[in-house]
Amino acid sequence: MTDTGAGEQIPADLVVVGRVGEAYGLKGAVHIIPYSPDASALLAAREWWLEGPGKLVLRSVDVFSAKAHGGDGVVAQLVGVADRDAAVKLRGAQVQVPRSRFPALADDEYYWADLIGLEVVNEAGVSLGRVTGLSENAAHAVLEVEGLGADGKPLERLIPFVGVYVKTVDRAAGRVLVDWGLDY
């Protein structure tokens, strides 16, 4: 943990899980846009860390209430955010939650944040690079992998995160096994 300078201890395991979209209503609620289709980390945490945009420095806020909203977000009431004007000032802020506060998962489950940095190896044992991010499209999630192409030049690969291509995720070994060629 580090100190914010205001006496708050910043957890070392913060993970960006979304951003503040718009103010919601007149009483200071905010609409959060999660970066994952599973908003359970946002909904379970009773404290969020907000940072940016502009002059908003990293600080903790207590969550009075949070609930899923439609299919695309979370609506939350934050302690100390009492009106629409205060909520508007938070627009664009990153929402972070300590990884240690995420809900527990089954052995065969993982959060997207857990995949960042894992090595991606194909079935021939060739390293394709490391996971730098994940995104969601209309059909499925996509692994964003940075590595080298067959010609040895830097290359970003987008690998559909579906069973036909992603064979196993081994967090303990730090790797993802895929059915994907070096020249795809």
N, C-alpha and C. Protein backbone atom coordinates (compact mmCIF):
# COMPACT_ATOMS: atom_id res chain seq x y z
N MET A 1 0.83 -1.19 0.00
CA MET A 1 0.00 0.00 0.00
C MET A 1 0.87 1.25 0.00
N THR A 2 0.36 2.27 -0.67
CA THR A 2 1.02 3.57 -0.64
C THR A 2 0.03 4.59 -0.09
N ASP A 3 0.52 5.76 0.22
CA ASP A 3 -0.29 6.80 0.83
C ASP A 3 -0.69 7.82 -0.23
N THR A 4 -1.93 8.31 -0.19
CA THR A 4 -2.40 9.31 -1.15
C THR A 4 -1.90 10.70 -0.82
N GLY A 5 -1.32 10.87 0.34
CA GLY A 5 -0.92 12.20 0.79
C GLY A 5 -2.00 12.80 1.68
N ALA A 6 -3.18 12.23 1.65
CA ALA A 6 -4.29 12.70 2.50
C ALA A 6 -4.54 11.71 3.61
N GLY A 7 -3.57 10.83 3.85
CA GLY A 7 -3.72 9.85 4.93
C GLY A 7 -4.38 8.55 4.51
N GLU A 8 -4.87 8.45 3.28
CA GLU A 8 -5.49 7.22 2.81
C GLU A 8 -4.42 6.26 2.32
N GLN A 9 -4.58 4.99 2.61
CA GLN A 9 -3.68 3.97 2.12
C GLN A 9 -4.26 3.38 0.83
N ILE A 10 -3.48 3.46 -0.24
CA ILE A 10 -3.92 2.94 -1.54
C ILE A 10 -3.57 1.47 -1.62
N PRO A 11 -4.57 0.60 -1.84
CA PRO A 11 -4.27 -0.83 -2.00
C PRO A 11 -3.36 -1.07 -3.20
N ALA A 12 -2.43 -2.00 -3.06
CA ALA A 12 -1.47 -2.30 -4.12
C ALA A 12 -2.11 -3.09 -5.27
N ASP A 13 -3.28 -3.68 -5.03
CA ASP A 13 -3.88 -4.57 -6.02
C ASP A 13 -5.10 -3.96 -6.73
N LEU A 14 -5.12 -2.63 -6.90
CA LEU A 14 -6.25 -2.00 -7.58
C LEU A 14 -6.34 -2.45 -9.04
N VAL A 15 -7.57 -2.71 -9.47
CA VAL A 15 -7.85 -3.09 -10.85
C VAL A 15 -8.91 -2.15 -11.38
N VAL A 16 -8.67 -1.57 -12.55
CA VAL A 16 -9.67 -0.71 -13.18
C VAL A 16 -10.78 -1.61 -13.70
N VAL A 17 -12.00 -1.38 -13.22
CA VAL A 17 -13.13 -2.24 -13.59
C VAL A 17 -14.21 -1.51 -14.39
N GLY A 18 -14.06 -0.19 -14.53
CA GLY A 18 -15.05 0.56 -15.29
C GLY A 18 -14.76 2.04 -15.22
N ARG A 19 -15.73 2.82 -15.73
CA ARG A 19 -15.60 4.27 -15.65
C ARG A 19 -16.98 4.86 -15.41
N VAL A 20 -16.96 6.06 -14.82
CA VAL A 20 -18.21 6.77 -14.58
C VAL A 20 -18.69 7.34 -15.91
N GLY A 21 -19.92 7.01 -16.25
CA GLY A 21 -20.51 7.53 -17.48
C GLY A 21 -21.18 8.86 -17.20
N GLU A 22 -22.45 8.83 -16.94
CA GLU A 22 -23.24 10.04 -16.74
C GLU A 22 -23.82 10.08 -15.32
N ALA A 23 -24.26 11.26 -14.94
CA ALA A 23 -25.07 11.38 -13.72
C ALA A 23 -26.38 10.66 -13.99
N TYR A 24 -26.98 10.12 -12.94
CA TYR A 24 -28.23 9.37 -13.10
C TYR A 24 -29.24 9.96 -12.12
N GLY A 25 -30.19 10.69 -12.62
CA GLY A 25 -31.20 11.30 -11.78
C GLY A 25 -30.69 12.59 -11.15
N LEU A 26 -31.41 13.04 -10.13
CA LEU A 26 -31.13 14.33 -9.51
C LEU A 26 -30.44 14.24 -8.16
N LYS A 27 -30.36 13.04 -7.59
CA LYS A 27 -29.87 12.90 -6.21
C LYS A 27 -28.43 12.42 -6.11
N GLY A 28 -27.64 12.56 -7.18
CA GLY A 28 -26.22 12.27 -7.11
C GLY A 28 -25.82 10.87 -7.53
N ALA A 29 -26.75 10.07 -8.02
CA ALA A 29 -26.38 8.73 -8.49
C ALA A 29 -25.57 8.85 -9.78
N VAL A 30 -24.74 7.85 -10.04
CA VAL A 30 -23.93 7.81 -11.25
C VAL A 30 -24.15 6.50 -11.99
N HIS A 31 -24.03 6.56 -13.31
CA HIS A 31 -24.09 5.37 -14.16
C HIS A 31 -22.67 4.94 -14.44
N ILE A 32 -22.33 3.71 -14.11
CA ILE A 32 -20.99 3.17 -14.32
C ILE A 32 -21.01 2.26 -15.55
N ILE A 33 -20.00 2.42 -16.39
CA ILE A 33 -19.84 1.55 -17.56
C ILE A 33 -18.75 0.53 -17.21
N PRO A 34 -19.14 -0.72 -16.94
CA PRO A 34 -18.14 -1.74 -16.60
C PRO A 34 -17.29 -2.09 -17.81
N TYR A 35 -16.04 -2.47 -17.55
CA TYR A 35 -15.15 -2.89 -18.63
C TYR A 35 -15.25 -4.38 -18.89
N SER A 36 -16.12 -5.05 -18.18
CA SER A 36 -16.32 -6.49 -18.36
C SER A 36 -17.82 -6.74 -18.37
N PRO A 37 -18.27 -7.76 -19.09
CA PRO A 37 -19.71 -8.06 -19.05
C PRO A 37 -20.16 -8.55 -17.68
N ASP A 38 -19.22 -8.97 -16.84
CA ASP A 38 -19.55 -9.41 -15.49
C ASP A 38 -19.20 -8.28 -14.52
N ALA A 39 -20.21 -7.62 -13.99
CA ALA A 39 -20.00 -6.47 -13.11
C ALA A 39 -19.98 -6.87 -11.63
N SER A 40 -19.76 -8.15 -11.33
CA SER A 40 -19.85 -8.60 -9.94
C SER A 40 -18.85 -7.91 -9.02
N ALA A 41 -17.66 -7.57 -9.51
CA ALA A 41 -16.68 -6.88 -8.66
C ALA A 41 -17.19 -5.50 -8.26
N LEU A 42 -17.82 -4.81 -9.19
CA LEU A 42 -18.41 -3.50 -8.89
C LEU A 42 -19.55 -3.64 -7.89
N LEU A 43 -20.41 -4.60 -8.12
CA LEU A 43 -21.59 -4.76 -7.28
C LEU A 43 -21.26 -5.25 -5.87
N ALA A 44 -20.20 -6.00 -5.72
CA ALA A 44 -19.86 -6.57 -4.42
C ALA A 44 -19.05 -5.62 -3.54
N ALA A 45 -18.28 -4.73 -4.15
CA ALA A 45 -17.38 -3.87 -3.38
C ALA A 45 -18.16 -2.76 -2.69
N ARG A 46 -17.80 -2.46 -1.47
CA ARG A 46 -18.43 -1.37 -0.72
C ARG A 46 -17.56 -0.12 -0.72
N GLU A 47 -16.37 -0.23 -1.31
CA GLU A 47 -15.49 0.91 -1.47
C GLU A 47 -14.89 0.85 -2.87
N TRP A 48 -14.96 1.98 -3.57
CA TRP A 48 -14.35 2.10 -4.88
C TRP A 48 -13.27 3.16 -4.80
N TRP A 49 -12.33 3.08 -5.71
CA TRP A 49 -11.29 4.11 -5.85
C TRP A 49 -11.52 4.79 -7.19
N LEU A 50 -11.65 6.11 -7.18
CA LEU A 50 -11.89 6.88 -8.40
C LEU A 50 -10.66 7.70 -8.73
N GLU A 51 -10.39 7.81 -10.05
CA GLU A 51 -9.25 8.60 -10.50
C GLU A 51 -9.56 9.24 -11.84
N GLY A 52 -9.16 10.52 -11.97
CA GLY A 52 -9.34 11.25 -13.21
C GLY A 52 -10.81 11.42 -13.51
N PRO A 53 -11.21 12.10 -14.50
CA PRO A 53 -10.36 12.84 -15.42
C PRO A 53 -9.98 14.19 -14.81
N GLY A 54 -9.13 14.86 -15.49
CA GLY A 54 -8.76 16.20 -15.05
C GLY A 54 -8.09 16.21 -13.70
N LYS A 55 -8.65 16.97 -12.79
CA LYS A 55 -8.03 17.21 -11.49
C LYS A 55 -8.41 16.19 -10.43
N LEU A 56 -9.24 15.21 -10.75
CA LEU A 56 -9.66 14.23 -9.76
C LEU A 56 -8.52 13.24 -9.51
N VAL A 57 -7.88 13.35 -8.36
CA VAL A 57 -6.79 12.44 -8.01
C VAL A 57 -7.37 11.18 -7.39
N LEU A 58 -6.59 10.15 -7.38
CA LEU A 58 -7.04 8.87 -6.84
C LEU A 58 -7.53 9.05 -5.41
N ARG A 59 -8.77 8.64 -5.17
CA ARG A 59 -9.34 8.72 -3.83
C ARG A 59 -10.38 7.63 -3.66
N SER A 60 -10.61 7.26 -2.43
CA SER A 60 -11.61 6.23 -2.16
C SER A 60 -12.97 6.87 -1.93
N VAL A 61 -14.00 6.15 -2.31
CA VAL A 61 -15.38 6.56 -2.03
C VAL A 61 -16.12 5.34 -1.53
N ASP A 62 -16.98 5.55 -0.54
CA ASP A 62 -17.83 4.48 -0.05
C ASP A 62 -19.05 4.37 -0.94
N VAL A 63 -19.46 3.14 -1.21
CA VAL A 63 -20.62 2.88 -2.06
C VAL A 63 -21.82 2.67 -1.15
N PHE A 64 -22.80 3.57 -1.23
CA PHE A 64 -24.02 3.43 -0.44
C PHE A 64 -24.90 2.33 -1.02
N SER A 65 -25.04 2.35 -2.36
CA SER A 65 -25.81 1.30 -3.04
C SER A 65 -25.32 1.18 -4.47
N ALA A 66 -25.46 -0.02 -5.02
CA ALA A 66 -25.11 -0.26 -6.42
C ALA A 66 -25.99 -1.39 -6.93
N LYS A 67 -26.50 -1.22 -8.14
CA LYS A 67 -27.33 -2.26 -8.73
C LYS A 67 -27.11 -2.29 -10.23
N ALA A 68 -27.31 -3.48 -10.80
CA ALA A 68 -27.20 -3.63 -12.25
C ALA A 68 -28.29 -2.77 -12.89
N HIS A 69 -27.95 -2.16 -14.02
CA HIS A 69 -28.91 -1.31 -14.71
C HIS A 69 -28.98 -1.72 -16.17
N GLY A 70 -30.12 -2.22 -16.56
CA GLY A 70 -30.27 -2.69 -17.93
C GLY A 70 -29.27 -3.80 -18.20
N GLY A 71 -28.80 -3.90 -19.39
CA GLY A 71 -27.80 -4.90 -19.70
C GLY A 71 -26.42 -4.30 -19.86
N ASP A 72 -26.31 -3.00 -19.56
CA ASP A 72 -25.07 -2.35 -19.94
C ASP A 72 -24.41 -1.55 -18.83
N GLY A 73 -24.77 -1.75 -17.60
CA GLY A 73 -24.09 -0.93 -16.60
C GLY A 73 -24.56 -1.14 -15.19
N VAL A 74 -24.09 -0.23 -14.35
CA VAL A 74 -24.38 -0.25 -12.92
C VAL A 74 -24.77 1.18 -12.54
N VAL A 75 -25.79 1.30 -11.73
CA VAL A 75 -26.16 2.59 -11.17
C VAL A 75 -25.79 2.55 -9.70
N ALA A 76 -25.07 3.59 -9.25
CA ALA A 76 -24.58 3.60 -7.87
C ALA A 76 -24.82 4.95 -7.22
N GLN A 77 -25.07 4.87 -5.92
CA GLN A 77 -25.12 6.06 -5.09
C GLN A 77 -23.89 6.02 -4.21
N LEU A 78 -23.04 7.06 -4.31
CA LEU A 78 -21.80 7.12 -3.57
C LEU A 78 -21.95 8.06 -2.38
N VAL A 79 -21.39 7.68 -1.25
CA VAL A 79 -21.44 8.51 -0.06
C VAL A 79 -20.73 9.84 -0.37
N GLY A 80 -21.37 10.94 -0.03
CA GLY A 80 -20.77 12.26 -0.25
C GLY A 80 -21.10 12.87 -1.60
N VAL A 81 -21.78 12.14 -2.46
CA VAL A 81 -22.20 12.66 -3.76
C VAL A 81 -23.72 12.83 -3.66
N ALA A 82 -24.13 14.05 -3.30
CA ALA A 82 -25.52 14.27 -2.89
C ALA A 82 -26.43 14.87 -3.96
N ASP A 83 -25.85 15.37 -5.06
CA ASP A 83 -26.71 15.97 -6.08
C ASP A 83 -26.13 15.74 -7.47
N ARG A 84 -26.92 16.11 -8.44
CA ARG A 84 -26.53 15.89 -9.84
C ARG A 84 -25.24 16.62 -10.19
N ASP A 85 -25.05 17.83 -9.70
CA ASP A 85 -23.83 18.58 -10.01
C ASP A 85 -22.59 17.83 -9.54
N ALA A 86 -22.63 17.26 -8.35
CA ALA A 86 -21.49 16.50 -7.83
C ALA A 86 -21.26 15.25 -8.66
N ALA A 87 -22.34 14.61 -9.10
CA ALA A 87 -22.22 13.40 -9.93
C ALA A 87 -21.62 13.73 -11.29
N VAL A 88 -22.01 14.87 -11.87
CA VAL A 88 -21.49 15.26 -13.20
C VAL A 88 -19.98 15.46 -13.14
N LYS A 89 -19.46 15.95 -12.04
CA LYS A 89 -18.02 16.18 -11.90
C LYS A 89 -17.20 14.88 -11.93
N LEU A 90 -17.87 13.76 -11.71
CA LEU A 90 -17.18 12.46 -11.71
C LEU A 90 -17.15 11.81 -13.09
N ARG A 91 -17.86 12.39 -14.04
CA ARG A 91 -17.94 11.81 -15.38
C ARG A 91 -16.54 11.53 -15.95
N GLY A 92 -16.34 10.32 -16.43
CA GLY A 92 -15.07 9.93 -17.04
C GLY A 92 -14.06 9.35 -16.05
N ALA A 93 -14.34 9.42 -14.76
CA ALA A 93 -13.40 8.89 -13.77
C ALA A 93 -13.30 7.37 -13.89
N GLN A 94 -12.09 6.86 -13.74
CA GLN A 94 -11.90 5.40 -13.70
C GLN A 94 -12.35 4.89 -12.34
N VAL A 95 -13.02 3.75 -12.36
CA VAL A 95 -13.46 3.09 -11.13
C VAL A 95 -12.54 1.89 -10.91
N GLN A 96 -11.91 1.86 -9.74
CA GLN A 96 -10.99 0.77 -9.41
C GLN A 96 -11.44 0.08 -8.13
N VAL A 97 -11.18 -1.21 -8.09
CA VAL A 97 -11.52 -2.05 -6.94
C VAL A 97 -10.32 -2.93 -6.64
N PRO A 98 -9.96 -3.10 -5.37
CA PRO A 98 -8.86 -4.03 -5.05
C PRO A 98 -9.20 -5.45 -5.52
N ARG A 99 -8.28 -6.10 -6.20
CA ARG A 99 -8.50 -7.48 -6.68
C ARG A 99 -8.86 -8.39 -5.52
N SER A 100 -8.29 -8.14 -4.34
CA SER A 100 -8.57 -8.97 -3.16
C SER A 100 -10.02 -8.87 -2.72
N ARG A 101 -10.77 -7.89 -3.20
CA ARG A 101 -12.18 -7.71 -2.83
C ARG A 101 -13.14 -8.30 -3.86
N PHE A 102 -12.62 -8.84 -4.95
CA PHE A 102 -13.48 -9.46 -5.95
C PHE A 102 -14.15 -10.69 -5.33
N PRO A 103 -15.37 -11.01 -5.73
CA PRO A 103 -16.01 -12.24 -5.25
C PRO A 103 -15.20 -13.47 -5.66
N ALA A 104 -15.20 -14.48 -4.80
CA ALA A 104 -14.47 -15.72 -5.07
C ALA A 104 -15.08 -16.42 -6.29
N LEU A 105 -14.23 -17.13 -7.01
CA LEU A 105 -14.65 -17.86 -8.20
C LEU A 105 -14.39 -19.35 -8.04
N ALA A 106 -15.06 -20.14 -8.85
CA ALA A 106 -14.79 -21.57 -8.91
C ALA A 106 -13.41 -21.77 -9.56
N ASP A 107 -12.86 -22.96 -9.40
CA ASP A 107 -11.53 -23.26 -9.93
C ASP A 107 -11.41 -23.06 -11.44
N ASP A 108 -12.49 -23.27 -12.18
CA ASP A 108 -12.43 -23.16 -13.64
C ASP A 108 -12.88 -21.78 -14.14
N GLU A 109 -13.00 -20.82 -13.22
CA GLU A 109 -13.40 -19.47 -13.60
C GLU A 109 -12.27 -18.49 -13.33
N TYR A 110 -12.32 -17.33 -13.97
CA TYR A 110 -11.30 -16.30 -13.77
C TYR A 110 -11.87 -14.97 -14.21
N TYR A 111 -11.30 -13.94 -13.69
CA TYR A 111 -11.65 -12.59 -14.11
C TYR A 111 -10.73 -12.19 -15.25
N TRP A 112 -11.21 -11.31 -16.11
CA TRP A 112 -10.39 -10.84 -17.22
C TRP A 112 -9.09 -10.26 -16.71
N ALA A 113 -9.14 -9.53 -15.61
CA ALA A 113 -7.93 -8.92 -15.05
C ALA A 113 -6.86 -9.97 -14.75
N ASP A 114 -7.29 -11.20 -14.45
CA ASP A 114 -6.35 -12.27 -14.13
C ASP A 114 -5.61 -12.78 -15.37
N LEU A 115 -6.13 -12.48 -16.55
CA LEU A 115 -5.52 -12.97 -17.78
C LEU A 115 -4.44 -12.03 -18.31
N ILE A 116 -4.50 -10.76 -17.91
CA ILE A 116 -3.53 -9.78 -18.40
C ILE A 116 -2.13 -10.21 -17.98
N GLY A 117 -1.23 -10.25 -18.96
CA GLY A 117 0.16 -10.63 -18.69
C GLY A 117 0.46 -12.10 -18.87
N LEU A 118 -0.57 -12.95 -19.01
CA LEU A 118 -0.30 -14.37 -19.22
C LEU A 118 0.30 -14.58 -20.62
N GLU A 119 1.21 -15.55 -20.69
CA GLU A 119 1.80 -15.92 -21.98
C GLU A 119 0.79 -16.73 -22.77
N VAL A 120 0.70 -16.49 -24.07
CA VAL A 120 -0.18 -17.24 -24.96
C VAL A 120 0.70 -18.14 -25.81
N VAL A 121 0.42 -19.44 -25.72
CA VAL A 121 1.22 -20.46 -26.41
C VAL A 121 0.28 -21.29 -27.27
N ASN A 122 0.70 -21.60 -28.50
CA ASN A 122 -0.15 -22.45 -29.33
C ASN A 122 0.14 -23.92 -29.06
N GLU A 123 -0.62 -24.79 -29.67
CA GLU A 123 -0.51 -26.23 -29.42
C GLU A 123 0.81 -26.82 -29.90
N ALA A 124 1.53 -26.09 -30.75
CA ALA A 124 2.85 -26.54 -31.19
C ALA A 124 3.94 -26.08 -30.22
N GLY A 125 3.54 -25.36 -29.15
CA GLY A 125 4.50 -24.89 -28.16
C GLY A 125 5.16 -23.57 -28.49
N VAL A 126 4.66 -22.89 -29.52
CA VAL A 126 5.22 -21.61 -29.94
C VAL A 126 4.54 -20.47 -29.17
N SER A 127 5.35 -19.59 -28.59
CA SER A 127 4.80 -18.45 -27.87
C SER A 127 4.30 -17.42 -28.87
N LEU A 128 3.06 -16.98 -28.68
CA LEU A 128 2.47 -15.96 -29.55
C LEU A 128 2.54 -14.57 -28.92
N GLY A 129 2.94 -14.51 -27.65
CA GLY A 129 3.04 -13.22 -26.97
C GLY A 129 2.35 -13.27 -25.62
N ARG A 130 1.97 -12.09 -25.14
CA ARG A 130 1.32 -11.96 -23.84
C ARG A 130 -0.02 -11.25 -23.99
N VAL A 131 -0.97 -11.61 -23.13
CA VAL A 131 -2.28 -10.97 -23.13
C VAL A 131 -2.12 -9.54 -22.62
N THR A 132 -2.54 -8.58 -23.42
CA THR A 132 -2.48 -7.17 -23.02
C THR A 132 -3.85 -6.61 -22.70
N GLY A 133 -4.89 -7.33 -23.09
CA GLY A 133 -6.24 -6.87 -22.80
C GLY A 133 -7.25 -7.84 -23.35
N LEU A 134 -8.49 -7.55 -23.05
CA LEU A 134 -9.62 -8.30 -23.60
C LEU A 134 -10.67 -7.30 -24.00
N SER A 135 -11.44 -7.65 -25.00
CA SER A 135 -12.54 -6.80 -25.42
C SER A 135 -13.73 -7.69 -25.73
N GLU A 136 -14.85 -7.05 -25.87
CA GLU A 136 -16.08 -7.77 -26.13
C GLU A 136 -16.63 -7.26 -27.45
N ASN A 137 -17.01 -8.17 -28.34
CA ASN A 137 -17.72 -7.75 -29.54
C ASN A 137 -19.11 -8.36 -29.49
N ALA A 138 -19.86 -8.21 -30.51
CA ALA A 138 -21.25 -8.69 -30.49
C ALA A 138 -21.35 -10.20 -30.31
N ALA A 139 -20.33 -10.93 -30.73
CA ALA A 139 -20.40 -12.39 -30.69
C ALA A 139 -19.73 -13.02 -29.48
N HIS A 140 -18.58 -12.46 -29.04
CA HIS A 140 -17.79 -13.11 -28.00
C HIS A 140 -16.68 -12.19 -27.52
N ALA A 141 -15.99 -12.62 -26.49
CA ALA A 141 -14.82 -11.88 -26.01
C ALA A 141 -13.64 -12.16 -26.94
N VAL A 142 -12.67 -11.25 -26.93
CA VAL A 142 -11.49 -11.37 -27.78
C VAL A 142 -10.25 -11.13 -26.94
N LEU A 143 -9.28 -12.06 -27.01
CA LEU A 143 -7.98 -11.86 -26.36
C LEU A 143 -7.14 -10.93 -27.23
N GLU A 144 -6.56 -9.91 -26.61
CA GLU A 144 -5.65 -9.02 -27.30
C GLU A 144 -4.24 -9.45 -26.88
N VAL A 145 -3.44 -9.90 -27.84
CA VAL A 145 -2.14 -10.49 -27.57
C VAL A 145 -1.07 -9.72 -28.33
N GLU A 146 -0.04 -9.27 -27.61
CA GLU A 146 1.09 -8.62 -28.27
C GLU A 146 2.28 -9.57 -28.27
N GLY A 147 2.86 -9.74 -29.43
CA GLY A 147 4.01 -10.63 -29.57
C GLY A 147 4.74 -10.32 -30.87
N LEU A 148 5.36 -11.33 -31.42
CA LEU A 148 6.08 -11.18 -32.68
C LEU A 148 5.41 -12.01 -33.76
N GLY A 149 5.41 -11.49 -34.98
CA GLY A 149 4.86 -12.22 -36.10
C GLY A 149 5.85 -13.25 -36.61
N ALA A 150 5.47 -13.99 -37.63
CA ALA A 150 6.34 -15.00 -38.24
C ALA A 150 7.61 -14.36 -38.80
N ASP A 151 7.53 -13.06 -39.14
CA ASP A 151 8.69 -12.35 -39.68
C ASP A 151 9.56 -11.71 -38.58
N GLY A 152 9.18 -11.92 -37.31
CA GLY A 152 9.96 -11.38 -36.20
C GLY A 152 9.62 -9.95 -35.83
N LYS A 153 8.66 -9.35 -36.52
CA LYS A 153 8.26 -7.97 -36.23
C LYS A 153 7.13 -7.95 -35.20
N PRO A 154 7.04 -6.88 -34.39
CA PRO A 154 5.96 -6.78 -33.41
C PRO A 154 4.59 -6.90 -34.08
N LEU A 155 3.69 -7.59 -33.40
CA LEU A 155 2.38 -7.86 -33.98
C LEU A 155 1.35 -7.98 -32.86
N GLU A 156 0.17 -7.41 -33.09
CA GLU A 156 -0.95 -7.62 -32.17
C GLU A 156 -1.87 -8.65 -32.80
N ARG A 157 -2.21 -9.66 -32.02
CA ARG A 157 -3.15 -10.68 -32.47
C ARG A 157 -4.45 -10.52 -31.70
N LEU A 158 -5.55 -10.73 -32.38
CA LEU A 158 -6.87 -10.74 -31.75
C LEU A 158 -7.41 -12.15 -31.89
N ILE A 159 -7.47 -12.86 -30.78
CA ILE A 159 -7.87 -14.27 -30.79
C ILE A 159 -9.24 -14.39 -30.15
N PRO A 160 -10.22 -14.91 -30.88
CA PRO A 160 -11.56 -15.09 -30.29
C PRO A 160 -11.46 -15.95 -29.02
N PHE A 161 -12.07 -15.47 -27.95
CA PHE A 161 -12.02 -16.19 -26.68
C PHE A 161 -13.19 -17.16 -26.61
N VAL A 162 -13.08 -18.20 -27.44
CA VAL A 162 -14.09 -19.25 -27.52
C VAL A 162 -13.36 -20.60 -27.48
N GLY A 163 -14.07 -21.61 -27.07
CA GLY A 163 -13.48 -22.93 -26.84
C GLY A 163 -12.78 -23.55 -28.04
N VAL A 164 -13.21 -23.24 -29.24
CA VAL A 164 -12.57 -23.82 -30.42
C VAL A 164 -11.13 -23.32 -30.56
N TYR A 165 -10.82 -22.11 -30.06
CA TYR A 165 -9.47 -21.55 -30.16
C TYR A 165 -8.72 -21.55 -28.82
N VAL A 166 -9.40 -21.22 -27.75
CA VAL A 166 -8.76 -21.18 -26.43
C VAL A 166 -9.00 -22.52 -25.76
N LYS A 167 -7.92 -23.29 -25.63
CA LYS A 167 -8.05 -24.66 -25.11
C LYS A 167 -8.01 -24.71 -23.59
N THR A 168 -7.03 -24.02 -22.97
CA THR A 168 -6.95 -24.00 -21.51
C THR A 168 -6.37 -22.67 -21.04
N VAL A 169 -6.78 -22.30 -19.85
CA VAL A 169 -6.20 -21.15 -19.16
C VAL A 169 -5.61 -21.71 -17.87
N ASP A 170 -4.31 -21.62 -17.73
CA ASP A 170 -3.61 -22.12 -16.55
C ASP A 170 -2.99 -20.93 -15.82
N ARG A 171 -3.76 -20.37 -14.88
CA ARG A 171 -3.27 -19.19 -14.16
C ARG A 171 -2.03 -19.51 -13.35
N ALA A 172 -1.99 -20.70 -12.76
CA ALA A 172 -0.83 -21.07 -11.94
C ALA A 172 0.45 -21.11 -12.77
N ALA A 173 0.36 -21.61 -14.00
CA ALA A 173 1.53 -21.68 -14.88
C ALA A 173 1.74 -20.36 -15.63
N GLY A 174 0.74 -19.47 -15.59
CA GLY A 174 0.88 -18.18 -16.26
C GLY A 174 0.75 -18.25 -17.76
N ARG A 175 -0.13 -19.17 -18.25
CA ARG A 175 -0.23 -19.28 -19.71
C ARG A 175 -1.62 -19.66 -20.18
N VAL A 176 -1.86 -19.32 -21.43
CA VAL A 176 -3.10 -19.66 -22.12
C VAL A 176 -2.71 -20.50 -23.32
N LEU A 177 -3.30 -21.69 -23.45
CA LEU A 177 -3.03 -22.58 -24.58
C LEU A 177 -4.10 -22.36 -25.64
N VAL A 178 -3.66 -22.08 -26.88
CA VAL A 178 -4.60 -21.79 -27.95
C VAL A 178 -4.32 -22.63 -29.19
N ASP A 179 -5.36 -22.81 -30.00
CA ASP A 179 -5.23 -23.41 -31.32
C ASP A 179 -5.17 -22.25 -32.29
N TRP A 180 -3.96 -21.70 -32.48
CA TRP A 180 -3.79 -20.49 -33.29
C TRP A 180 -2.39 -20.52 -33.88
N GLY A 181 -2.26 -20.24 -35.13
CA GLY A 181 -0.96 -20.28 -35.79
C GLY A 181 -0.16 -19.00 -35.63
N LEU A 182 1.13 -19.13 -35.76
CA LEU A 182 2.01 -17.97 -35.69
C LEU A 182 1.76 -17.00 -36.83
N ASP A 183 1.29 -17.53 -37.97
CA ASP A 183 1.09 -16.70 -39.16
C ASP A 183 -0.35 -16.29 -39.38
N TYR A 184 -1.23 -16.49 -38.40
CA TYR A 184 -2.64 -16.08 -38.57
C TYR A 184 -2.75 -14.59 -38.46
